[in-house]
C-alpha cells in the first residue's frame, strides 16, 4: 500500500516515513517503540543506517524504507 504525505505530497510504503504521516500508529520494526516521531533512531541500529531521505530527512538501513533515498557518505 502506498501512503501520501498530507503536507508535501511525497509517497512512501509506510505512513511513518512521511513528514506529516497518516494518523495510523505503527511501532518501530527495530525496537517496538511507538514511532510517532519521524526522527526516531534506535541507538542499537544507528551504526547500520546507510541511507538518508532527501524528502523528509529520515535515515534507514534499507533504501526501500525511504521515499527519496540517497546513500550516506
N, C-alpha and C. Protein backbone atom coordinates (compact mmCIF):
# COMPACT_ATOMS: atom_id res chain seq x y z
N UNK A 1 0.84 -1.18 0.00
CA UNK A 1 0.00 0.00 0.00
C UNK A 1 0.89 1.24 0.00
N UNK A 2 0.53 2.24 -0.73
CA UNK A 2 1.28 3.49 -0.79
C UNK A 2 0.54 4.58 -0.02
N UNK A 3 1.30 5.35 0.76
CA UNK A 3 0.75 6.46 1.54
C UNK A 3 1.25 7.78 0.96
N UNK A 4 0.43 8.80 1.04
CA UNK A 4 0.78 10.13 0.54
C UNK A 4 0.85 11.11 1.70
N UNK A 5 1.93 11.90 1.73
CA UNK A 5 2.10 12.91 2.77
C UNK A 5 1.04 14.00 2.61
N UNK A 6 0.40 14.37 3.70
CA UNK A 6 -0.64 15.40 3.67
C UNK A 6 -0.05 16.79 3.45
N UNK A 7 1.24 16.98 3.75
CA UNK A 7 1.86 18.30 3.63
C UNK A 7 2.57 18.48 2.28
N UNK A 8 3.48 17.54 1.90
CA UNK A 8 4.30 17.76 0.70
C UNK A 8 3.93 16.88 -0.48
N UNK A 9 3.07 15.88 -0.27
CA UNK A 9 2.64 15.02 -1.36
C UNK A 9 3.58 13.86 -1.66
N UNK A 10 4.65 13.67 -0.88
CA UNK A 10 5.58 12.56 -1.09
C UNK A 10 4.87 11.23 -0.89
N UNK A 11 5.36 10.19 -1.55
CA UNK A 11 4.81 8.86 -1.42
C UNK A 11 5.76 7.97 -0.64
N UNK A 12 5.21 7.03 0.15
CA UNK A 12 6.02 6.09 0.92
C UNK A 12 5.24 4.80 1.12
N UNK A 13 5.96 3.72 1.42
CA UNK A 13 5.33 2.43 1.66
C UNK A 13 4.76 2.31 3.07
N UNK A 14 5.16 3.19 3.98
CA UNK A 14 4.67 3.18 5.36
C UNK A 14 4.33 4.61 5.77
N UNK A 15 3.25 4.82 6.54
CA UNK A 15 2.84 6.17 6.89
C UNK A 15 3.83 6.91 7.77
N UNK A 16 4.64 6.20 8.55
CA UNK A 16 5.60 6.85 9.44
C UNK A 16 6.79 7.44 8.72
N UNK A 17 6.92 7.22 7.41
CA UNK A 17 8.06 7.70 6.64
C UNK A 17 7.74 8.98 5.90
N UNK A 18 6.73 9.69 6.32
CA UNK A 18 6.31 10.94 5.68
C UNK A 18 6.44 12.08 6.67
N UNK A 19 6.65 13.31 6.18
CA UNK A 19 6.83 14.44 7.09
C UNK A 19 5.56 14.77 7.88
N UNK A 20 4.38 14.48 7.33
CA UNK A 20 3.13 14.58 8.07
C UNK A 20 2.37 13.28 7.83
N UNK A 21 2.73 12.24 8.60
CA UNK A 21 2.17 10.92 8.35
C UNK A 21 0.68 10.81 8.64
N UNK A 22 0.10 9.73 8.16
CA UNK A 22 -1.30 9.42 8.45
C UNK A 22 -1.45 9.24 9.96
N UNK A 23 -2.66 9.19 10.41
CA UNK A 23 -2.91 9.01 11.84
C UNK A 23 -2.69 7.58 12.31
N UNK A 24 -2.39 6.65 11.41
CA UNK A 24 -2.16 5.26 11.79
C UNK A 24 -0.92 5.19 12.69
N UNK A 25 -1.06 4.56 13.83
CA UNK A 25 0.07 4.38 14.75
C UNK A 25 0.77 3.08 14.41
N UNK A 26 2.07 3.15 14.19
CA UNK A 26 2.86 1.96 13.93
C UNK A 26 4.00 1.92 14.91
N UNK A 27 4.45 0.70 15.24
CA UNK A 27 5.59 0.53 16.11
C UNK A 27 6.85 0.43 15.26
N UNK A 28 7.95 0.89 15.82
CA UNK A 28 9.25 0.77 15.15
C UNK A 28 9.56 -0.71 14.96
N UNK A 29 9.93 -1.10 13.75
CA UNK A 29 10.19 -2.52 13.49
C UNK A 29 11.49 -3.00 14.15
N UNK A 30 12.33 -2.08 14.62
CA UNK A 30 13.58 -2.47 15.24
C UNK A 30 13.48 -2.59 16.76
N UNK A 31 12.81 -1.63 17.42
CA UNK A 31 12.79 -1.63 18.89
C UNK A 31 11.39 -1.76 19.48
N UNK A 32 10.34 -1.63 18.67
CA UNK A 32 8.98 -1.77 19.17
C UNK A 32 8.38 -0.49 19.73
N UNK A 33 9.14 0.58 19.79
CA UNK A 33 8.65 1.85 20.30
C UNK A 33 7.59 2.43 19.36
N UNK A 34 6.52 2.99 19.89
CA UNK A 34 5.55 3.66 19.01
C UNK A 34 6.26 4.75 18.21
N UNK A 35 6.22 4.66 16.90
CA UNK A 35 7.01 5.53 16.02
C UNK A 35 6.21 6.75 15.60
N UNK A 36 5.91 7.63 16.55
CA UNK A 36 5.15 8.83 16.23
C UNK A 36 6.07 9.99 15.84
N UNK A 37 7.35 9.90 16.15
CA UNK A 37 8.31 10.94 15.83
C UNK A 37 9.10 10.50 14.59
N UNK A 38 9.04 11.27 13.50
CA UNK A 38 9.70 10.87 12.26
C UNK A 38 11.21 10.88 12.37
N UNK A 39 11.76 11.45 13.44
CA UNK A 39 13.21 11.49 13.63
C UNK A 39 13.73 10.38 14.52
N UNK A 40 12.88 9.46 14.94
CA UNK A 40 13.27 8.37 15.83
C UNK A 40 14.37 7.51 15.22
N UNK A 41 15.44 7.28 15.99
CA UNK A 41 16.52 6.39 15.59
C UNK A 41 16.84 5.47 16.76
N UNK A 42 16.80 4.18 16.54
CA UNK A 42 17.15 3.22 17.59
C UNK A 42 18.66 3.28 17.81
N UNK A 43 19.09 3.45 19.04
CA UNK A 43 20.52 3.54 19.33
C UNK A 43 21.26 2.28 18.91
N UNK A 44 20.64 1.12 19.08
CA UNK A 44 21.30 -0.13 18.72
C UNK A 44 21.44 -0.31 17.21
N UNK A 45 20.67 0.41 16.43
CA UNK A 45 20.70 0.29 14.97
C UNK A 45 21.41 1.46 14.28
N UNK A 46 21.85 2.46 15.03
CA UNK A 46 22.44 3.65 14.44
C UNK A 46 23.62 3.33 13.51
N UNK A 47 24.47 2.38 13.89
CA UNK A 47 25.62 2.03 13.07
C UNK A 47 25.23 1.39 11.75
N UNK A 48 24.03 0.81 11.68
CA UNK A 48 23.58 0.13 10.46
C UNK A 48 22.90 1.07 9.46
N UNK A 49 22.66 2.30 9.84
CA UNK A 49 21.98 3.24 8.96
C UNK A 49 22.86 3.59 7.76
N UNK A 50 22.35 3.37 6.56
CA UNK A 50 23.13 3.56 5.34
C UNK A 50 22.51 4.56 4.36
N UNK A 51 21.25 4.97 4.61
CA UNK A 51 20.55 5.86 3.67
C UNK A 51 19.87 7.00 4.41
N UNK A 52 19.73 8.13 3.73
CA UNK A 52 19.01 9.28 4.24
C UNK A 52 17.96 9.66 3.18
N UNK A 53 16.80 10.13 3.62
CA UNK A 53 15.75 10.53 2.69
C UNK A 53 15.93 12.00 2.32
N UNK A 54 15.98 12.29 1.04
CA UNK A 54 16.09 13.67 0.57
C UNK A 54 14.77 14.43 0.73
N UNK A 55 13.69 13.73 1.05
CA UNK A 55 12.39 14.38 1.23
C UNK A 55 12.14 14.80 2.66
N UNK A 56 12.31 13.86 3.61
CA UNK A 56 11.94 14.14 5.00
C UNK A 56 13.12 14.11 5.96
N UNK A 57 14.30 13.67 5.51
CA UNK A 57 15.48 13.65 6.36
C UNK A 57 15.64 12.42 7.22
N UNK A 58 14.72 11.49 7.15
CA UNK A 58 14.79 10.26 7.93
C UNK A 58 15.95 9.41 7.45
N UNK A 59 16.57 8.62 8.34
CA UNK A 59 17.62 7.71 7.95
C UNK A 59 17.11 6.28 8.08
N UNK A 60 17.72 5.35 7.32
CA UNK A 60 17.26 3.97 7.33
C UNK A 60 18.38 3.01 6.94
N UNK A 61 18.17 1.73 7.24
CA UNK A 61 19.12 0.70 6.87
C UNK A 61 18.95 0.27 5.43
N UNK A 62 17.74 0.41 4.89
CA UNK A 62 17.43 -0.02 3.53
C UNK A 62 16.80 1.13 2.75
N UNK A 63 17.21 1.27 1.49
CA UNK A 63 16.70 2.36 0.65
C UNK A 63 15.19 2.30 0.47
N UNK A 64 14.62 1.09 0.40
CA UNK A 64 13.18 0.97 0.16
C UNK A 64 12.33 1.45 1.33
N UNK A 65 12.94 1.76 2.46
CA UNK A 65 12.21 2.28 3.62
C UNK A 65 12.01 3.79 3.54
N UNK A 66 12.60 4.43 2.53
CA UNK A 66 12.54 5.88 2.41
C UNK A 66 11.85 6.29 1.12
N UNK A 67 11.25 7.48 1.12
CA UNK A 67 10.54 7.94 -0.08
C UNK A 67 11.51 8.47 -1.14
N UNK A 68 12.62 9.11 -0.75
CA UNK A 68 13.62 9.62 -1.70
C UNK A 68 15.02 9.30 -1.16
N UNK A 69 15.44 8.03 -1.21
CA UNK A 69 16.70 7.61 -0.59
C UNK A 69 17.96 8.08 -1.30
N UNK A 70 19.00 8.31 -0.50
CA UNK A 70 20.34 8.61 -1.00
C UNK A 70 21.33 7.97 -0.04
N UNK A 71 22.36 7.32 -0.58
CA UNK A 71 23.36 6.67 0.25
C UNK A 71 24.10 7.69 1.11
N UNK A 72 24.40 7.31 2.36
CA UNK A 72 25.16 8.17 3.26
C UNK A 72 26.65 7.94 3.02
N UNK A 73 27.37 9.02 2.88
CA UNK A 73 28.82 9.01 2.77
C UNK A 73 29.38 8.21 1.71
